[in-house]
């Protein structure tokens, strides 16, 4: 799907109708003088935050994680 670019003035003037389109799944780049400033897209249902434990089984902490780092003795005095 092509993302539509709209100027900041147009976005301000037609915000309600643009939000209705976003609600239906459309995405817009908001520009000022032809330069992209923002992306307006549908929010994720969970607010975009990862769920607790979502990486369970994918992240592994080595058994030596808490071992002293060789050569760091002089820094820990």
PDB file of N, CA and C in Angstrom:
ATOM      1  N   UNK A   1       0.841  -1.181   0.000  1.00  0.00           N
ATOM      2  CA  UNK A   1       0.000   0.000   0.000  1.00  0.00           C
ATOM      3  C   UNK A   1       0.885   1.242   0.000  1.00  0.00           C
ATOM      4  N   UNK A   2       0.584   2.176  -0.882  1.00  0.00           N
ATOM      5  CA  UNK A   2       1.334   3.411  -0.988  1.00  0.00           C
ATOM      6  C   UNK A   2       0.955   4.341   0.167  1.00  0.00           C
ATOM      7  N   UNK A   3       1.960   4.937   0.777  1.00  0.00           N
ATOM      8  CA  UNK A   3       1.714   5.879   1.865  1.00  0.00           C
ATOM      9  C   UNK A   3       1.534   7.268   1.262  1.00  0.00           C
ATOM     10  N   UNK A   4       0.457   7.930   1.642  1.00  0.00           N
ATOM     11  CA  UNK A   4       0.115   9.243   1.106  1.00  0.00           C
ATOM     12  C   UNK A   4       0.838  10.332   1.878  1.00  0.00           C
ATOM     13  N   UNK A   5       1.373  11.315   1.157  1.00  0.00           N
ATOM     14  CA  UNK A   5       1.979  12.482   1.800  1.00  0.00           C
ATOM     15  C   UNK A   5       0.959  13.611   1.807  1.00  0.00           C
ATOM     16  N   UNK A   6       0.831  14.268   2.963  1.00  0.00           N
ATOM     17  CA  UNK A   6      -0.057  15.429   3.069  1.00  0.00           C
ATOM     18  C   UNK A   6       0.691  16.548   3.773  1.00  0.00           C
ATOM     19  N   UNK A   7       0.406  17.762   3.397  1.00  0.00           N
ATOM     20  CA  UNK A   7       1.035  18.918   4.035  1.00  0.00           C
ATOM     21  C   UNK A   7       0.489  19.143   5.433  1.00  0.00           C
ATOM     22  N   UNK A   8       1.284  19.807   6.256  1.00  0.00           N
ATOM     23  CA  UNK A   8       0.887  20.065   7.643  1.00  0.00           C
ATOM     24  C   UNK A   8      -0.399  20.887   7.703  1.00  0.00           C
ATOM     25  N   UNK A   9      -0.539  21.868   6.819  1.00  0.00           N
ATOM     26  CA  UNK A   9      -1.750  22.695   6.817  1.00  0.00           C
ATOM     27  C   UNK A   9      -2.977  21.845   6.476  1.00  0.00           C
ATOM     28  N   UNK A  10      -2.846  20.988   5.462  1.00  0.00           N
ATOM     29  CA  UNK A  10      -3.957  20.109   5.088  1.00  0.00           C
ATOM     30  C   UNK A  10      -4.297  19.152   6.225  1.00  0.00           C
ATOM     31  N   UNK A  11      -3.269  18.627   6.892  1.00  0.00           N
ATOM     32  CA  UNK A  11      -3.497  17.710   8.017  1.00  0.00           C
ATOM     33  C   UNK A  11      -4.265  18.415   9.129  1.00  0.00           C
ATOM     34  N   UNK A  12      -3.893  19.670   9.404  1.00  0.00           N
ATOM     35  CA  UNK A  12      -4.572  20.433  10.446  1.00  0.00           C
ATOM     36  C   UNK A  12      -6.020  20.736  10.046  1.00  0.00           C
ATOM     37  N   UNK A  13      -6.207  21.102   8.803  1.00  0.00           N
ATOM     38  CA  UNK A  13      -7.522  21.500   8.322  1.00  0.00           C
ATOM     39  C   UNK A  13      -8.495  20.324   8.231  1.00  0.00           C
ATOM     40  N   UNK A  14      -8.000  19.161   7.851  1.00  0.00           N
ATOM     41  CA  UNK A  14      -8.859  18.000   7.619  1.00  0.00           C
ATOM     42  C   UNK A  14      -8.569  16.852   8.587  1.00  0.00           C
ATOM     43  N   UNK A  15      -8.159  17.195   9.808  1.00  0.00           N
ATOM     44  CA  UNK A  15      -7.728  16.172  10.758  1.00  0.00           C
ATOM     45  C   UNK A  15      -8.785  15.100  11.008  1.00  0.00           C
ATOM     46  N   UNK A  16     -10.028  15.477  11.176  1.00  0.00           N
ATOM     47  CA  UNK A  16     -11.077  14.489  11.483  1.00  0.00           C
ATOM     48  C   UNK A  16     -11.216  13.455  10.373  1.00  0.00           C
ATOM     49  N   UNK A  17     -11.242  13.906   9.130  1.00  0.00           N
ATOM     50  CA  UNK A  17     -11.396  12.947   8.026  1.00  0.00           C
ATOM     51  C   UNK A  17     -10.135  12.107   7.839  1.00  0.00           C
ATOM     52  N   UNK A  18      -8.973  12.693   8.090  1.00  0.00           N
ATOM     53  CA  UNK A  18      -7.719  11.933   7.990  1.00  0.00           C
ATOM     54  C   UNK A  18      -7.675  10.865   9.074  1.00  0.00           C
ATOM     55  N   UNK A  19      -8.097  11.213  10.291  1.00  0.00           N
ATOM     56  CA  UNK A  19      -8.115  10.230  11.373  1.00  0.00           C
ATOM     57  C   UNK A  19      -9.085   9.094  11.082  1.00  0.00           C
ATOM     58  N   UNK A  20     -10.187   9.402  10.428  1.00  0.00           N
ATOM     59  CA  UNK A  20     -11.132   8.345  10.048  1.00  0.00           C
ATOM     60  C   UNK A  20     -10.474   7.368   9.069  1.00  0.00           C
ATOM     61  N   UNK A  21      -9.670   7.886   8.146  1.00  0.00           N
ATOM     62  CA  UNK A  21      -8.955   7.026   7.194  1.00  0.00           C
ATOM     63  C   UNK A  21      -7.879   6.206   7.902  1.00  0.00           C
ATOM     64  N   UNK A  22      -7.202   6.823   8.866  1.00  0.00           N
ATOM     65  CA  UNK A  22      -6.185   6.105   9.648  1.00  0.00           C
ATOM     66  C   UNK A  22      -6.845   4.971  10.428  1.00  0.00           C
ATOM     67  N   UNK A  23      -8.004   5.242  10.962  1.00  0.00           N
ATOM     68  CA  UNK A  23      -8.751   4.234  11.709  1.00  0.00           C
ATOM     69  C   UNK A  23      -9.079   3.022  10.842  1.00  0.00           C
ATOM     70  N   UNK A  24      -9.236   3.246   9.545  1.00  0.00           N
ATOM     71  CA  UNK A  24      -9.513   2.157   8.605  1.00  0.00           C
ATOM     72  C   UNK A  24      -8.238   1.509   8.068  1.00  0.00           C
ATOM     73  N   UNK A  25      -7.064   1.957   8.560  1.00  0.00           N
ATOM     74  CA  UNK A  25      -5.816   1.299   8.189  1.00  0.00           C
ATOM     75  C   UNK A  25      -4.864   2.085   7.310  1.00  0.00           C
ATOM     76  N   UNK A  26      -5.223   3.285   6.891  1.00  0.00           N
ATOM     77  CA  UNK A  26      -4.350   4.084   6.029  1.00  0.00           C
ATOM     78  C   UNK A  26      -3.208   4.687   6.828  1.00  0.00           C
ATOM     79  N   UNK A  27      -2.110   4.976   6.147  1.00  0.00           N
ATOM     80  CA  UNK A  27      -0.945   5.626   6.744  1.00  0.00           C
ATOM     81  C   UNK A  27      -0.612   6.867   5.933  1.00  0.00           C
ATOM     82  N   UNK A  28      -0.215   7.930   6.626  1.00  0.00           N
ATOM     83  CA  UNK A  28       0.119   9.202   5.987  1.00  0.00           C
ATOM     84  C   UNK A  28       1.462   9.710   6.479  1.00  0.00           C
ATOM     85  N   UNK A  29       2.221  10.337   5.575  1.00  0.00           N
ATOM     86  CA  UNK A  29       3.377  11.132   5.967  1.00  0.00           C
ATOM     87  C   UNK A  29       2.911  12.576   5.996  1.00  0.00           C
ATOM     88  N   UNK A  30       3.213  13.275   7.082  1.00  0.00           N
ATOM     89  CA  UNK A  30       2.884  14.688   7.173  1.00  0.00           C
ATOM     90  C   UNK A  30       4.161  15.460   6.835  1.00  0.00           C
ATOM     91  N   UNK A  31       4.025  16.398   5.891  1.00  0.00           N
ATOM     92  CA  UNK A  31       5.190  17.129   5.400  1.00  0.00           C
ATOM     93  C   UNK A  31       5.056  18.624   5.652  1.00  0.00           C
ATOM     94  N   UNK A  32       6.187  19.284   5.637  1.00  0.00           N
ATOM     95  CA  UNK A  32       6.229  20.749   5.666  1.00  0.00           C
ATOM     96  C   UNK A  32       7.260  21.171   4.629  1.00  0.00           C
ATOM     97  N   UNK A  33       6.807  21.936   3.671  1.00  0.00           N
ATOM     98  CA  UNK A  33       7.650  22.383   2.555  1.00  0.00           C
ATOM     99  C   UNK A  33       8.302  21.191   1.843  1.00  0.00           C
ATOM    100  N   UNK A  34       7.533  20.112   1.687  1.00  0.00           N
ATOM    101  CA  UNK A  34       8.006  18.939   0.961  1.00  0.00           C
ATOM    102  C   UNK A  34       8.895  17.993   1.751  1.00  0.00           C
ATOM    103  N   UNK A  35       9.195  18.328   3.009  1.00  0.00           N
ATOM    104  CA  UNK A  35      10.054  17.487   3.846  1.00  0.00           C
ATOM    105  C   UNK A  35       9.203  16.711   4.848  1.00  0.00           C
ATOM    106  N   UNK A  36       9.391  15.411   4.918  1.00  0.00           N
ATOM    107  CA  UNK A  36       8.610  14.587   5.848  1.00  0.00           C
ATOM    108  C   UNK A  36       8.962  14.909   7.297  1.00  0.00           C
ATOM    109  N   UNK A  37       7.913  15.125   8.079  1.00  0.00           N
ATOM    110  CA  UNK A  37       8.101  15.436   9.498  1.00  0.00           C
ATOM    111  C   UNK A  37       7.586  14.333  10.412  1.00  0.00           C
ATOM    112  N   UNK A  38       6.503  13.688   9.989  1.00  0.00           N
ATOM    113  CA  UNK A  38       5.871  12.710  10.877  1.00  0.00           C
ATOM    114  C   UNK A  38       5.163  11.649  10.056  1.00  0.00           C
ATOM    115  N   UNK A  39       4.891  10.549  10.719  1.00  0.00           N
ATOM    116  CA  UNK A  39       4.114   9.469  10.117  1.00  0.00           C
ATOM    117  C   UNK A  39       2.879   9.259  10.975  1.00  0.00           C
ATOM    118  N   UNK A  40       1.736   9.274  10.355  1.00  0.00           N
ATOM    119  CA  UNK A  40       0.469   9.075  11.049  1.00  0.00           C
ATOM    120  C   UNK A  40      -0.077   7.727  10.608  1.00  0.00           C
ATOM    121  N   UNK A  41      -0.154   6.783  11.539  1.00  0.00           N
ATOM    122  CA  UNK A  41      -0.578   5.426  11.209  1.00  0.00           C
ATOM    123  C   UNK A  41      -1.409   4.866  12.346  1.00  0.00           C
ATOM    124  N   UNK A  42      -2.139   3.776  12.103  1.00  0.00           N
ATOM    125  CA  UNK A  42      -2.957   3.192  13.167  1.00  0.00           C
ATOM    126  C   UNK A  42      -2.086   2.739  14.348  1.00  0.00           C
ATOM    127  N   UNK A  43      -2.570   2.978  15.534  1.00  0.00           N
ATOM    128  CA  UNK A  43      -1.859   2.539  16.735  1.00  0.00           C
ATOM    129  C   UNK A  43      -2.068   1.044  16.913  1.00  0.00           C
ATOM    130  N   UNK A  44      -1.085   0.401  17.515  1.00  0.00           N
ATOM    131  CA  UNK A  44      -1.240  -1.020  17.804  1.00  0.00           C
ATOM    132  C   UNK A  44      -2.194  -1.191  18.983  1.00  0.00           C
ATOM    133  N   UNK A  45      -2.854  -2.310  19.044  1.00  0.00           N
ATOM    134  CA  UNK A  45      -3.859  -2.561  20.077  1.00  0.00           C
ATOM    135  C   UNK A  45      -3.271  -2.508  21.481  1.00  0.00           C
ATOM    136  N   UNK A  46      -2.040  -2.949  21.645  1.00  0.00           N
ATOM    137  CA  UNK A  46      -1.435  -2.999  22.982  1.00  0.00           C
ATOM    138  C   UNK A  46      -0.566  -1.787  23.278  1.00  0.00           C
ATOM    139  N   UNK A  47      -0.660  -0.746  22.460  1.00  0.00           N
ATOM    140  CA  UNK A  47       0.120   0.456  22.697  1.00  0.00           C
ATOM    141  C   UNK A  47       1.561   0.344  22.218  1.00  0.00           C
ATOM    142  N   UNK A  48       1.905  -0.733  21.531  1.00  0.00           N
ATOM    143  CA  UNK A  48       3.240  -0.876  20.995  1.00  0.00           C
ATOM    144  C   UNK A  48       4.265  -1.425  21.967  1.00  0.00           C
ATOM    145  N   UNK A  49       3.842  -1.708  23.178  1.00  0.00           N
ATOM    146  CA  UNK A  49       4.786  -2.226  24.166  1.00  0.00           C
ATOM    147  C   UNK A  49       4.805  -3.745  24.108  1.00  0.00           C
ATOM    148  N   UNK A  50       5.983  -4.343  24.191  1.00  0.00           N
ATOM    149  CA  UNK A  50       6.053  -5.802  24.172  1.00  0.00           C
ATOM    150  C   UNK A  50       5.445  -6.396  25.444  1.00  0.00           C
ATOM    151  N   UNK A  51       4.852  -7.536  25.316  1.00  0.00           N
ATOM    152  CA  UNK A  51       4.255  -8.220  26.466  1.00  0.00           C
ATOM    153  C   UNK A  51       5.352  -8.853  27.314  1.00  0.00           C
ATOM    154  N   UNK A  52       5.153  -8.875  28.618  1.00  0.00           N
ATOM    155  CA  UNK A  52       6.120  -9.481  29.516  1.00  0.00           C
ATOM    156  C   UNK A  52       6.319 -10.947  29.137  1.00  0.00           C
ATOM    157  N   UNK A  53       7.566 -11.349  28.986  1.00  0.00           N
ATOM    158  CA  UNK A  53       7.883 -12.733  28.673  1.00  0.00           C
ATOM    159  C   UNK A  53       7.820 -13.077  27.197  1.00  0.00           C
ATOM    160  N   UNK A  54       7.655 -12.075  26.330  1.00  0.00           N
ATOM    161  CA  UNK A  54       7.494 -12.366  24.902  1.00  0.00           C
ATOM    162  C   UNK A  54       8.752 -12.951  24.271  1.00  0.00           C
ATOM    163  N   UNK A  55       9.908 -12.788  24.889  1.00  0.00           N
ATOM    164  CA  UNK A  55      11.150 -13.350  24.346  1.00  0.00           C
ATOM    165  C   UNK A  55      11.594 -14.604  25.092  1.00  0.00           C
ATOM    166  N   UNK A  56      10.698 -15.171  25.863  1.00  0.00           N
ATOM    167  CA  UNK A  56      11.039 -16.375  26.614  1.00  0.00           C
ATOM    168  C   UNK A  56      11.517 -17.458  25.656  1.00  0.00           C
ATOM    169  N   UNK A  57      12.676 -18.030  25.968  1.00  0.00           N
ATOM    170  CA  UNK A  57      13.243 -19.078  25.133  1.00  0.00           C
ATOM    171  C   UNK A  57      14.137 -18.552  24.022  1.00  0.00           C
ATOM    172  N   UNK A  58      14.108 -17.235  23.753  1.00  0.00           N
ATOM    173  CA  UNK A  58      14.958 -16.663  22.707  1.00  0.00           C
ATOM    174  C   UNK A  58      16.178 -15.957  23.273  1.00  0.00           C
ATOM    175  N   UNK A  59      16.126 -15.561  24.535  1.00  0.00           N
ATOM    176  CA  UNK A  59      17.238 -14.874  25.169  1.00  0.00           C
ATOM    177  C   UNK A  59      17.894 -15.835  26.158  1.00  0.00           C
ATOM    178  N   UNK A  60      19.200 -16.005  26.018  1.00  0.00           N
ATOM    179  CA  UNK A  60      19.924 -16.927  26.882  1.00  0.00           C
ATOM    180  C   UNK A  60      21.041 -16.152  27.586  1.00  0.00           C
ATOM    181  N   UNK A  61      21.104 -16.269  28.899  1.00  0.00           N
ATOM    182  CA  UNK A  61      22.158 -15.646  29.679  1.00  0.00           C
ATOM    183  C   UNK A  61      23.183 -16.731  29.998  1.00  0.00           C
ATOM    184  N   UNK A  62      24.425 -16.487  29.610  1.00  0.00           N
ATOM    185  CA  UNK A  62      25.491 -17.474  29.810  1.00  0.00           C
ATOM    186  C   UNK A  62      25.724 -17.726  31.296  1.00  0.00           C
ATOM    187  N   UNK A  63      26.140 -18.927  31.637  1.00  0.00           N
ATOM    188  CA  UNK A  63      26.420 -19.292  33.030  1.00  0.00           C
ATOM    189  C   UNK A  63      27.557 -18.442  33.602  1.00  0.00           C
ATOM    190  N   UNK A  64      28.413 -17.907  32.755  1.00  0.00           N
ATOM    191  CA  UNK A  64      29.557 -17.105  33.203  1.00  0.00           C
ATOM    192  C   UNK A  64      29.244 -15.605  33.232  1.00  0.00           C
ATOM    193  N   UNK A  65      27.988 -15.235  33.124  1.00  0.00           N
ATOM    194  CA  UNK A  65      27.595 -13.833  33.049  1.00  0.00           C
ATOM    195  C   UNK A  65      28.123 -13.005  34.223  1.00  0.00           C
ATOM    196  N   UNK A  66      28.061 -13.539  35.436  1.00  0.00           N
ATOM    197  CA  UNK A  66      28.475 -12.802  36.633  1.00  0.00           C
ATOM    198  C   UNK A  66      29.940 -12.986  36.996  1.00  0.00           C
ATOM    199  N   UNK A  67      30.696 -13.728  36.213  1.00  0.00           N
ATOM    200  CA  UNK A  67      32.113 -13.943  36.498  1.00  0.00           C
ATOM    201  C   UNK A  67      32.881 -12.637  36.331  1.00  0.00           C
ATOM    202  N   UNK A  68      33.974 -12.480  37.113  1.00  0.00           N
ATOM    203  CA  UNK A  68      34.798 -11.270  36.975  1.00  0.00           C
ATOM    204  C   UNK A  68      35.378 -11.172  35.560  1.00  0.00           C
ATOM    205  N   UNK A  69      35.565  -9.963  35.092  1.00  0.00           N
ATOM    206  CA  UNK A  69      36.141  -9.739  33.770  1.00  0.00           C
ATOM    207  C   UNK A  69      37.659  -9.722  33.910  1.00  0.00           C
ATOM    208  N   UNK A  70      38.360 -10.557  33.137  1.00  0.00           N
ATOM    209  CA  UNK A  70      39.829 -10.587  33.238  1.00  0.00           C
ATOM    210  C   UNK A  70      40.426  -9.211  32.926  1.00  0.00           C
ATOM    211  N   UNK A  71      41.413  -8.813  33.739  1.00  0.00           N
ATOM    212  CA  UNK A  71      42.103  -7.547  33.512  1.00  0.00           C
ATOM    213  C   UNK A  71      41.415  -6.339  34.096  1.00  0.00           C
ATOM    214  N   UNK A  72      40.323  -6.511  34.819  1.00  0.00           N
ATOM    215  CA  UNK A  72      39.591  -5.381  35.372  1.00  0.00           C
ATOM    216  C   UNK A  72      39.924  -5.121  36.845  1.00  0.00           C
ATOM    217  N   UNK A  73      40.865  -5.883  37.408  1.00  0.00           N
ATOM    218  CA  UNK A  73      41.210  -5.742  38.828  1.00  0.00           C
ATOM    219  C   UNK A  73      41.615  -4.325  39.188  1.00  0.00           C
ATOM    220  N   UNK A  74      42.425  -3.693  38.337  1.00  0.00           N
ATOM    221  CA  UNK A  74      42.922  -2.348  38.661  1.00  0.00           C
ATOM    222  C   UNK A  74      41.817  -1.293  38.666  1.00  0.00           C
ATOM    223  N   UNK A  75      40.705  -1.565  38.023  1.00  0.00           N
ATOM    224  CA  UNK A  75      39.580  -0.615  37.977  1.00  0.00           C
ATOM    225  C   UNK A  75      38.616  -0.766  39.143  1.00  0.00           C
ATOM    226  N   UNK A  76      38.693  -1.871  39.847  1.00  0.00           N
ATOM    227  CA  UNK A  76      37.737  -2.118  40.924  1.00  0.00           C
ATOM    228  C   UNK A  76      38.335  -1.883  42.298  1.00  0.00           C
ATOM    229  N   UNK A  77      39.354  -1.056  42.375  1.00  0.00           N
ATOM    230  CA  UNK A  77      39.993  -0.765  43.676  1.00  0.00           C
ATOM    231  C   UNK A  77      39.324   0.381  44.345  1.00  0.00           C
TER     232      UNK A  77
END
